[in-house]
């Protein structure tokens, strides 16, 4: 399978899953998927992002060498929201190496504070921040404050995720 060709040919959940399944078969194929994810063609990188998130969910060890790539994509201007959304989705489910904690926290706080950030990116960012708050309890008050301050102006997705996180913060 040529991943680039398949991504250009069709965009569907079935196709994303098929590509993800193929990519995790070996490191060379996964690298091919990641090359598409970082491509300058926004449509190709957008489509590859979905497969990357499925691949990382099914085989987390494959994404480990590319965590820096995901973190970098969070900070690149002009990156399609689907690329960012899927990067944050992956980051909420993995053990994040300490060297990326600061960058990820900064990016996720910026996402949840920006009214223009898409809802899914904010929801995933809330979870990433809560996960990091286990190691950095000093960010819990800031996270709680942002959730409470933005409550009335945010989407149902933000409020749902925020409610769960507020409960976990108060239970500790």
N, C-alpha and C. Protein backbone atom coordinates (compact mmCIF):
# COMPACT_ATOMS: atom_id res chain seq x y z
N UNK A 1 0.84 -1.18 0.00
CA UNK A 1 0.00 0.00 0.00
C UNK A 1 0.89 1.24 0.00
N UNK A 2 0.53 2.20 -0.81
CA UNK A 2 1.17 3.50 -0.79
C UNK A 2 0.26 4.42 0.01
N UNK A 3 0.69 4.79 1.21
CA UNK A 3 -0.16 5.55 2.12
C UNK A 3 -0.56 6.90 1.52
N UNK A 4 0.38 7.58 0.93
CA UNK A 4 0.08 8.89 0.32
C UNK A 4 -1.02 8.76 -0.73
N UNK A 5 -0.90 7.79 -1.59
CA UNK A 5 -1.89 7.59 -2.64
C UNK A 5 -3.25 7.27 -2.04
N UNK A 6 -3.26 6.42 -1.02
CA UNK A 6 -4.52 6.04 -0.39
C UNK A 6 -5.17 7.23 0.32
N UNK A 7 -4.37 8.07 0.96
CA UNK A 7 -4.91 9.26 1.62
C UNK A 7 -5.49 10.24 0.60
N UNK A 8 -4.83 10.36 -0.53
CA UNK A 8 -5.32 11.27 -1.58
C UNK A 8 -6.56 10.73 -2.26
N UNK A 9 -6.69 9.41 -2.30
CA UNK A 9 -7.79 8.76 -3.03
C UNK A 9 -9.13 8.89 -2.31
N UNK A 10 -9.11 8.71 -0.99
CA UNK A 10 -10.38 8.64 -0.27
C UNK A 10 -10.20 9.12 1.16
N UNK A 11 -11.26 9.78 1.68
CA UNK A 11 -11.24 10.22 3.08
C UNK A 11 -12.52 9.72 3.75
N UNK A 12 -12.36 8.68 4.54
CA UNK A 12 -13.49 8.11 5.27
C UNK A 12 -12.92 7.43 6.51
N UNK A 13 -13.80 7.15 7.46
CA UNK A 13 -13.35 6.46 8.67
C UNK A 13 -12.79 5.09 8.31
N UNK A 14 -13.46 4.40 7.43
CA UNK A 14 -12.99 3.07 7.01
C UNK A 14 -11.59 3.15 6.42
N UNK A 15 -11.37 4.14 5.57
CA UNK A 15 -10.05 4.32 4.95
C UNK A 15 -9.00 4.69 6.01
N UNK A 16 -9.36 5.59 6.93
CA UNK A 16 -8.42 5.99 7.99
C UNK A 16 -8.01 4.79 8.84
N UNK A 17 -8.98 3.95 9.16
CA UNK A 17 -8.69 2.75 9.94
C UNK A 17 -7.82 1.76 9.16
N UNK A 18 -8.12 1.60 7.89
CA UNK A 18 -7.34 0.69 7.04
C UNK A 18 -5.87 1.16 6.98
N UNK A 19 -5.68 2.44 6.79
CA UNK A 19 -4.34 3.00 6.71
C UNK A 19 -3.63 2.86 8.06
N UNK A 20 -4.34 3.14 9.15
CA UNK A 20 -3.75 3.01 10.49
C UNK A 20 -3.31 1.57 10.74
N UNK A 21 -4.17 0.62 10.39
CA UNK A 21 -3.84 -0.80 10.58
C UNK A 21 -2.59 -1.18 9.78
N UNK A 22 -2.52 -0.70 8.56
CA UNK A 22 -1.36 -0.98 7.71
C UNK A 22 -0.10 -0.33 8.29
N UNK A 23 -0.22 0.91 8.73
CA UNK A 23 0.95 1.68 9.19
C UNK A 23 1.61 1.07 10.42
N UNK A 24 0.82 0.49 11.31
CA UNK A 24 1.42 -0.04 12.55
C UNK A 24 2.05 -1.42 12.37
N UNK A 25 2.03 -1.93 11.17
CA UNK A 25 2.64 -3.23 10.92
C UNK A 25 4.16 -3.21 11.05
N UNK A 26 4.77 -2.07 10.72
CA UNK A 26 6.22 -1.94 10.92
C UNK A 26 6.63 -0.47 10.94
N UNK A 27 7.83 -0.22 11.40
CA UNK A 27 8.30 1.15 11.58
C UNK A 27 8.42 1.91 10.27
N UNK A 28 8.78 1.23 9.21
CA UNK A 28 8.92 1.90 7.91
C UNK A 28 7.57 2.42 7.43
N UNK A 29 6.54 1.62 7.57
CA UNK A 29 5.20 2.02 7.14
C UNK A 29 4.67 3.14 8.04
N UNK A 30 4.96 3.06 9.34
CA UNK A 30 4.51 4.12 10.23
C UNK A 30 5.22 5.43 9.90
N UNK A 31 6.50 5.35 9.56
CA UNK A 31 7.24 6.55 9.16
C UNK A 31 6.61 7.17 7.90
N UNK A 32 6.17 6.33 6.98
CA UNK A 32 5.51 6.83 5.77
C UNK A 32 4.24 7.61 6.15
N UNK A 33 3.48 7.09 7.10
CA UNK A 33 2.28 7.80 7.57
C UNK A 33 2.67 9.12 8.22
N UNK A 34 3.68 9.11 9.05
CA UNK A 34 4.11 10.34 9.72
C UNK A 34 4.66 11.37 8.73
N UNK A 35 5.27 10.91 7.67
CA UNK A 35 5.72 11.84 6.63
C UNK A 35 4.53 12.54 5.98
N UNK A 36 3.44 11.82 5.81
CA UNK A 36 2.22 12.43 5.27
C UNK A 36 1.62 13.41 6.29
N UNK A 37 1.68 13.04 7.56
CA UNK A 37 1.16 13.89 8.63
C UNK A 37 1.88 15.24 8.69
N UNK A 38 3.18 15.24 8.41
CA UNK A 38 3.96 16.47 8.47
C UNK A 38 4.09 17.16 7.12
N UNK A 39 3.44 16.64 6.10
CA UNK A 39 3.53 17.22 4.77
C UNK A 39 2.93 18.63 4.75
N UNK A 40 3.44 19.46 3.86
CA UNK A 40 2.93 20.83 3.74
C UNK A 40 1.56 20.90 3.09
N UNK A 41 1.16 19.88 2.37
CA UNK A 41 -0.17 19.83 1.76
C UNK A 41 -1.19 19.66 2.89
N UNK A 42 -1.98 20.71 3.13
CA UNK A 42 -2.87 20.68 4.30
C UNK A 42 -3.88 19.55 4.22
N UNK A 43 -4.36 19.22 3.03
CA UNK A 43 -5.35 18.14 2.91
C UNK A 43 -4.73 16.78 3.23
N UNK A 44 -3.53 16.56 2.74
CA UNK A 44 -2.84 15.30 3.02
C UNK A 44 -2.55 15.16 4.52
N UNK A 45 -2.03 16.23 5.13
CA UNK A 45 -1.71 16.15 6.56
C UNK A 45 -2.98 16.00 7.40
N UNK A 46 -4.05 16.65 6.98
CA UNK A 46 -5.33 16.54 7.68
C UNK A 46 -5.83 15.09 7.64
N UNK A 47 -5.79 14.48 6.49
CA UNK A 47 -6.26 13.10 6.35
C UNK A 47 -5.34 12.13 7.10
N UNK A 48 -4.06 12.38 7.03
CA UNK A 48 -3.11 11.50 7.73
C UNK A 48 -3.29 11.59 9.24
N UNK A 49 -3.67 12.76 9.73
CA UNK A 49 -3.83 12.96 11.17
C UNK A 49 -4.83 11.99 11.78
N UNK A 50 -5.91 11.73 11.07
CA UNK A 50 -6.93 10.82 11.59
C UNK A 50 -6.35 9.41 11.71
N UNK A 51 -5.62 8.99 10.69
CA UNK A 51 -4.98 7.67 10.74
C UNK A 51 -3.92 7.60 11.83
N UNK A 52 -3.19 8.69 12.03
CA UNK A 52 -2.18 8.72 13.10
C UNK A 52 -2.85 8.50 14.46
N UNK A 53 -3.99 9.16 14.67
CA UNK A 53 -4.65 9.01 15.98
C UNK A 53 -5.15 7.59 16.19
N UNK A 54 -5.69 6.97 15.15
CA UNK A 54 -6.13 5.56 15.26
C UNK A 54 -4.94 4.64 15.47
N UNK A 55 -3.87 4.88 14.73
CA UNK A 55 -2.68 4.04 14.86
C UNK A 55 -2.09 4.15 16.28
N UNK A 56 -2.03 5.36 16.81
CA UNK A 56 -1.47 5.55 18.15
C UNK A 56 -2.35 4.89 19.21
N UNK A 57 -3.65 4.92 19.00
CA UNK A 57 -4.56 4.28 19.95
C UNK A 57 -4.38 2.76 19.93
N UNK A 58 -4.19 2.20 18.76
CA UNK A 58 -4.07 0.75 18.62
C UNK A 58 -2.67 0.22 18.93
N UNK A 59 -1.65 1.05 18.75
CA UNK A 59 -0.29 0.62 19.00
C UNK A 59 0.53 1.82 19.50
N UNK A 60 0.35 2.18 20.78
CA UNK A 60 1.00 3.39 21.31
C UNK A 60 2.51 3.41 21.18
N UNK A 61 3.14 2.26 21.14
CA UNK A 61 4.61 2.25 21.06
C UNK A 61 5.10 2.82 19.73
N UNK A 62 4.28 2.76 18.70
CA UNK A 62 4.70 3.28 17.39
C UNK A 62 4.81 4.80 17.40
N UNK A 63 4.01 5.47 18.22
CA UNK A 63 4.00 6.94 18.21
C UNK A 63 5.12 7.52 19.09
N UNK A 64 5.65 6.72 20.00
CA UNK A 64 6.65 7.23 20.95
C UNK A 64 7.80 7.99 20.30
N UNK A 65 8.41 7.49 19.22
CA UNK A 65 9.51 8.25 18.61
C UNK A 65 9.06 9.56 17.96
N UNK A 66 7.77 9.75 17.80
CA UNK A 66 7.23 10.91 17.08
C UNK A 66 6.50 11.89 18.00
N UNK A 67 6.62 11.72 19.29
CA UNK A 67 5.92 12.63 20.21
C UNK A 67 6.40 14.07 19.99
N UNK A 68 7.68 14.24 19.76
CA UNK A 68 8.21 15.58 19.47
C UNK A 68 7.58 16.19 18.24
N UNK A 69 7.29 15.37 17.25
CA UNK A 69 6.63 15.84 16.03
C UNK A 69 5.21 16.33 16.35
N UNK A 70 4.49 15.56 17.17
CA UNK A 70 3.14 15.97 17.56
C UNK A 70 3.18 17.29 18.31
N UNK A 71 4.11 17.41 19.25
CA UNK A 71 4.21 18.63 20.05
C UNK A 71 4.54 19.82 19.16
N UNK A 72 5.43 19.63 18.22
CA UNK A 72 5.79 20.71 17.30
C UNK A 72 4.59 21.15 16.47
N UNK A 73 3.77 20.20 16.04
CA UNK A 73 2.59 20.53 15.23
C UNK A 73 1.59 21.39 16.01
N UNK A 74 1.56 21.23 17.33
CA UNK A 74 0.66 22.04 18.16
C UNK A 74 1.01 23.51 18.06
N UNK A 75 2.26 23.80 17.81
CA UNK A 75 2.75 25.18 17.87
C UNK A 75 2.95 25.83 16.51
N UNK A 76 2.77 25.07 15.44
CA UNK A 76 2.99 25.61 14.11
C UNK A 76 1.81 26.46 13.66
N UNK A 77 2.08 27.68 13.23
CA UNK A 77 0.98 28.52 12.75
C UNK A 77 0.42 27.99 11.43
N UNK A 78 -0.88 28.13 11.25
CA UNK A 78 -1.51 27.76 10.00
C UNK A 78 -1.78 26.27 9.82
N UNK A 79 -1.52 25.47 10.83
CA UNK A 79 -1.78 24.03 10.72
C UNK A 79 -3.28 23.80 10.80
N UNK A 80 -3.79 22.92 9.96
CA UNK A 80 -5.22 22.63 9.93
C UNK A 80 -5.68 22.14 11.30
N UNK A 81 -6.85 22.60 11.77
CA UNK A 81 -7.34 22.17 13.09
C UNK A 81 -7.43 20.65 13.26
N UNK A 82 -7.67 19.91 12.19
CA UNK A 82 -7.74 18.44 12.30
C UNK A 82 -6.39 17.87 12.71
N UNK A 83 -5.32 18.48 12.24
CA UNK A 83 -3.97 18.01 12.59
C UNK A 83 -3.73 18.25 14.08
N UNK A 84 -4.10 19.43 14.56
CA UNK A 84 -3.93 19.76 15.98
C UNK A 84 -4.85 18.88 16.83
N UNK A 85 -6.10 18.76 16.42
CA UNK A 85 -7.08 17.96 17.17
C UNK A 85 -6.58 16.53 17.38
N UNK A 86 -6.11 15.92 16.32
CA UNK A 86 -5.65 14.53 16.43
C UNK A 86 -4.34 14.41 17.21
N UNK A 87 -3.50 15.43 17.16
CA UNK A 87 -2.28 15.42 17.97
C UNK A 87 -2.64 15.47 19.45
N UNK A 88 -3.55 16.37 19.83
CA UNK A 88 -3.94 16.49 21.24
C UNK A 88 -4.68 15.23 21.68
N UNK A 89 -5.47 14.65 20.78
CA UNK A 89 -6.17 13.39 21.09
C UNK A 89 -5.16 12.30 21.44
N UNK A 90 -4.09 12.22 20.69
CA UNK A 90 -3.05 11.22 20.97
C UNK A 90 -2.38 11.53 22.31
N UNK A 91 -2.07 12.80 22.55
CA UNK A 91 -1.36 13.19 23.76
C UNK A 91 -2.17 12.95 25.03
N UNK A 92 -3.50 12.94 24.93
CA UNK A 92 -4.30 12.71 26.13
C UNK A 92 -4.25 11.24 26.57
N UNK A 93 -3.84 10.35 25.69
CA UNK A 93 -3.86 8.92 25.99
C UNK A 93 -2.49 8.29 26.23
N UNK A 94 -1.43 9.08 26.16
CA UNK A 94 -0.10 8.49 26.30
C UNK A 94 0.63 9.08 27.51
N UNK A 95 1.68 8.40 27.91
CA UNK A 95 2.57 8.91 28.95
C UNK A 95 3.53 9.88 28.26
N UNK A 96 3.38 11.13 28.55
CA UNK A 96 4.14 12.18 27.88
C UNK A 96 5.53 12.31 28.52
N UNK A 97 6.59 12.20 27.72
CA UNK A 97 7.94 12.38 28.27
C UNK A 97 8.09 13.76 28.90
N UNK A 98 8.81 13.83 29.99
CA UNK A 98 8.95 15.06 30.77
C UNK A 98 9.48 16.23 29.95
N UNK A 99 10.33 15.96 28.99
CA UNK A 99 10.92 17.05 28.21
C UNK A 99 9.87 17.86 27.44
N UNK A 100 8.68 17.32 27.26
CA UNK A 100 7.63 18.01 26.51
C UNK A 100 6.56 18.63 27.41
N UNK A 101 6.63 18.41 28.70
CA UNK A 101 5.57 18.87 29.60
C UNK A 101 5.30 20.37 29.47
N UNK A 102 6.35 21.18 29.53
CA UNK A 102 6.18 22.63 29.48
C UNK A 102 5.54 23.10 28.18
N UNK A 103 6.05 22.62 27.06
CA UNK A 103 5.51 23.02 25.75
C UNK A 103 4.05 22.61 25.61
N UNK A 104 3.74 21.40 26.05
CA UNK A 104 2.37 20.90 25.93
C UNK A 104 1.43 21.68 26.83
N UNK A 105 1.87 21.95 28.06
CA UNK A 105 1.03 22.75 28.96
C UNK A 105 0.75 24.13 28.36
N UNK A 106 1.79 24.78 27.86
CA UNK A 106 1.61 26.11 27.25
C UNK A 106 0.63 26.06 26.09
N UNK A 107 0.79 25.07 25.23
CA UNK A 107 -0.10 24.95 24.07
C UNK A 107 -1.53 24.68 24.50
N UNK A 108 -1.71 23.75 25.43
CA UNK A 108 -3.07 23.38 25.85
C UNK A 108 -3.76 24.52 26.59
N UNK A 109 -3.03 25.24 27.45
CA UNK A 109 -3.63 26.41 28.11
C UNK A 109 -4.02 27.45 27.06
N UNK A 110 -3.16 27.67 26.07
CA UNK A 110 -3.48 28.63 25.01
C UNK A 110 -4.74 28.19 24.25
N UNK A 111 -4.87 26.91 23.98
CA UNK A 111 -6.05 26.42 23.27
C UNK A 111 -7.33 26.66 24.06
N UNK A 112 -7.32 26.34 25.35
CA UNK A 112 -8.56 26.46 26.12
C UNK A 112 -8.90 27.92 26.44
N UNK A 113 -7.92 28.79 26.37
CA UNK A 113 -8.18 30.20 26.63
C UNK A 113 -8.64 30.95 25.38
N UNK A 114 -8.41 30.39 24.23
CA UNK A 114 -8.73 31.07 22.97
C UNK A 114 -10.16 30.73 22.54
N UNK A 115 -11.05 31.72 22.48
CA UNK A 115 -12.44 31.44 22.09
C UNK A 115 -12.56 30.84 20.69
N UNK A 116 -11.59 31.07 19.82
CA UNK A 116 -11.67 30.58 18.44
C UNK A 116 -11.22 29.12 18.29
N UNK A 117 -10.65 28.54 19.32
CA UNK A 117 -10.20 27.15 19.24
C UNK A 117 -11.40 26.22 19.11
N UNK A 118 -11.37 25.28 18.16
CA UNK A 118 -12.47 24.32 18.02
C UNK A 118 -12.70 23.52 19.30
N UNK A 119 -13.96 23.16 19.52
CA UNK A 119 -14.40 22.51 20.76
C UNK A 119 -13.62 21.23 21.09
N UNK A 120 -13.39 20.38 20.10
CA UNK A 120 -12.71 19.11 20.37
C UNK A 120 -11.28 19.34 20.84
N UNK A 121 -10.61 20.32 20.27
CA UNK A 121 -9.24 20.63 20.69
C UNK A 121 -9.24 21.08 22.15
N UNK A 122 -10.23 21.89 22.51
CA UNK A 122 -10.33 22.34 23.90
C UNK A 122 -10.61 21.17 24.84
N UNK A 123 -11.53 20.30 24.45
CA UNK A 123 -11.88 19.16 25.31
C UNK A 123 -10.66 18.26 25.53
N UNK A 124 -9.96 17.92 24.45
CA UNK A 124 -8.77 17.08 24.59
C UNK A 124 -7.69 17.80 25.41
N UNK A 125 -7.56 19.11 25.22
CA UNK A 125 -6.57 19.89 25.97
C UNK A 125 -6.86 19.88 27.46
N UNK A 126 -8.14 19.95 27.82
CA UNK A 126 -8.51 19.88 29.23
C UNK A 126 -8.01 18.57 29.85
N UNK A 127 -8.20 17.48 29.14
CA UNK A 127 -7.76 16.18 29.65
C UNK A 127 -6.24 16.10 29.75
N UNK A 128 -5.55 16.60 28.74
CA UNK A 128 -4.08 16.60 28.78
C UNK A 128 -3.60 17.40 30.00
N UNK A 129 -4.19 18.56 30.20
CA UNK A 129 -3.79 19.39 31.34
C UNK A 129 -4.11 18.71 32.67
N UNK A 130 -5.27 18.09 32.76
CA UNK A 130 -5.58 17.38 34.00
C UNK A 130 -4.59 16.24 34.24
N UNK A 131 -4.26 15.50 33.18
CA UNK A 131 -3.27 14.42 33.32
C UNK A 131 -1.94 14.97 33.82
N UNK A 132 -1.52 16.11 33.29
CA UNK A 132 -0.26 16.71 33.72
C UNK A 132 -0.35 17.27 35.13
N UNK A 133 -1.56 17.63 35.55
CA UNK A 133 -1.71 18.19 36.90
C UNK A 133 -1.42 17.16 37.99
N UNK A 134 -1.40 15.91 37.63
CA UNK A 134 -1.03 14.88 38.61
C UNK A 134 0.44 15.01 38.99
N UNK A 135 1.25 15.45 38.02
CA UNK A 135 2.68 15.66 38.29
C UNK A 135 2.96 17.10 38.70
N UNK A 136 2.07 18.00 38.27
CA UNK A 136 2.24 19.43 38.56
C UNK A 136 0.95 19.95 39.21
N UNK A 137 0.73 19.61 40.48
CA UNK A 137 -0.52 20.00 41.13
C UNK A 137 -0.74 21.51 41.17
N UNK A 138 0.32 22.27 41.00
CA UNK A 138 0.19 23.73 41.03
C UNK A 138 -0.61 24.28 39.85
N UNK A 139 -0.83 23.49 38.81
CA UNK A 139 -1.64 23.99 37.68
C UNK A 139 -3.14 23.73 37.89
N UNK A 140 -3.49 22.93 38.88
CA UNK A 140 -4.91 22.63 39.12
C UNK A 140 -5.76 23.88 39.36
N UNK A 141 -5.30 24.82 40.21
CA UNK A 141 -6.13 26.01 40.41
C UNK A 141 -6.36 26.82 39.13
N UNK A 142 -5.31 26.92 38.30
CA UNK A 142 -5.45 27.66 37.04
C UNK A 142 -6.42 26.94 36.10
N UNK A 143 -6.31 25.63 36.03
CA UNK A 143 -7.21 24.83 35.20
C UNK A 143 -8.64 24.99 35.69
N UNK A 144 -8.83 24.90 36.99
CA UNK A 144 -10.17 25.04 37.57
C UNK A 144 -10.73 26.43 37.28
N UNK A 145 -9.91 27.45 37.44
CA UNK A 145 -10.35 28.83 37.21
C UNK A 145 -10.78 29.04 35.76
N UNK A 146 -10.00 28.54 34.83
CA UNK A 146 -10.34 28.71 33.41
C UNK A 146 -11.65 28.00 33.09
N UNK A 147 -11.81 26.79 33.58
CA UNK A 147 -13.06 26.05 33.33
C UNK A 147 -14.25 26.84 33.88
N UNK A 148 -14.13 27.31 35.11
CA UNK A 148 -15.23 28.05 35.74
C UNK A 148 -15.51 29.38 35.05
N UNK A 149 -14.45 30.10 34.67
CA UNK A 149 -14.64 31.40 34.01
C UNK A 149 -15.27 31.27 32.63
N UNK A 150 -14.94 30.22 31.93
CA UNK A 150 -15.40 30.07 30.54
C UNK A 150 -16.70 29.27 30.45
N UNK A 151 -17.17 28.77 31.55
CA UNK A 151 -18.32 27.86 31.60
C UNK A 151 -19.51 28.35 30.76
N UNK A 152 -19.92 29.58 30.96
CA UNK A 152 -21.14 30.09 30.32
C UNK A 152 -20.97 30.36 28.82
N UNK A 153 -19.75 30.48 28.36
CA UNK A 153 -19.54 30.82 26.95
C UNK A 153 -19.03 29.64 26.12
N UNK A 154 -18.85 28.51 26.75
CA UNK A 154 -18.27 27.38 26.04
C UNK A 154 -19.32 26.38 25.54
N UNK A 155 -18.85 25.46 24.74
CA UNK A 155 -19.70 24.44 24.12
C UNK A 155 -20.04 23.34 25.12
N UNK A 156 -20.98 22.52 24.73
CA UNK A 156 -21.37 21.37 25.56
C UNK A 156 -20.19 20.43 25.76
N UNK A 157 -19.36 20.26 24.75
CA UNK A 157 -18.19 19.37 24.86
C UNK A 157 -17.22 19.88 25.93
N UNK A 158 -16.99 21.18 25.94
CA UNK A 158 -16.10 21.77 26.94
C UNK A 158 -16.69 21.60 28.34
N UNK A 159 -17.99 21.90 28.47
CA UNK A 159 -18.63 21.81 29.78
C UNK A 159 -18.67 20.37 30.28
N UNK A 160 -18.92 19.43 29.40
CA UNK A 160 -18.96 18.02 29.80
C UNK A 160 -17.60 17.57 30.31
N UNK A 161 -16.57 17.86 29.55
CA UNK A 161 -15.22 17.48 29.96
C UNK A 161 -14.80 18.26 31.20
N UNK A 162 -15.13 19.55 31.20
CA UNK A 162 -14.79 20.40 32.34
C UNK A 162 -15.46 19.93 33.63
N UNK A 163 -16.71 19.50 33.54
CA UNK A 163 -17.44 19.02 34.72
C UNK A 163 -16.74 17.81 35.32
N UNK A 164 -16.33 16.88 34.47
CA UNK A 164 -15.64 15.68 34.95
C UNK A 164 -14.31 16.04 35.61
N UNK A 165 -13.61 16.98 35.03
CA UNK A 165 -12.31 17.38 35.57
C UNK A 165 -12.49 18.14 36.89
N UNK A 166 -13.49 19.03 36.95
CA UNK A 166 -13.74 19.74 38.20
C UNK A 166 -14.07 18.77 39.33
N UNK A 167 -14.83 17.73 39.01
CA UNK A 167 -15.17 16.73 40.02
C UNK A 167 -13.90 16.01 40.50
N UNK A 168 -13.04 15.64 39.56
CA UNK A 168 -11.79 14.96 39.93
C UNK A 168 -10.88 15.87 40.76
N UNK A 169 -10.85 17.14 40.41
CA UNK A 169 -10.01 18.09 41.16
C UNK A 169 -10.53 18.23 42.59
N UNK A 170 -11.85 18.30 42.74
CA UNK A 170 -12.42 18.48 44.09
C UNK A 170 -12.35 17.21 44.92
N UNK A 171 -12.27 16.04 44.27
CA UNK A 171 -12.18 14.77 44.99
C UNK A 171 -10.79 14.52 45.57
N UNK A 172 -9.82 15.24 45.07
CA UNK A 172 -8.44 15.01 45.49
C UNK A 172 -8.15 15.67 46.81
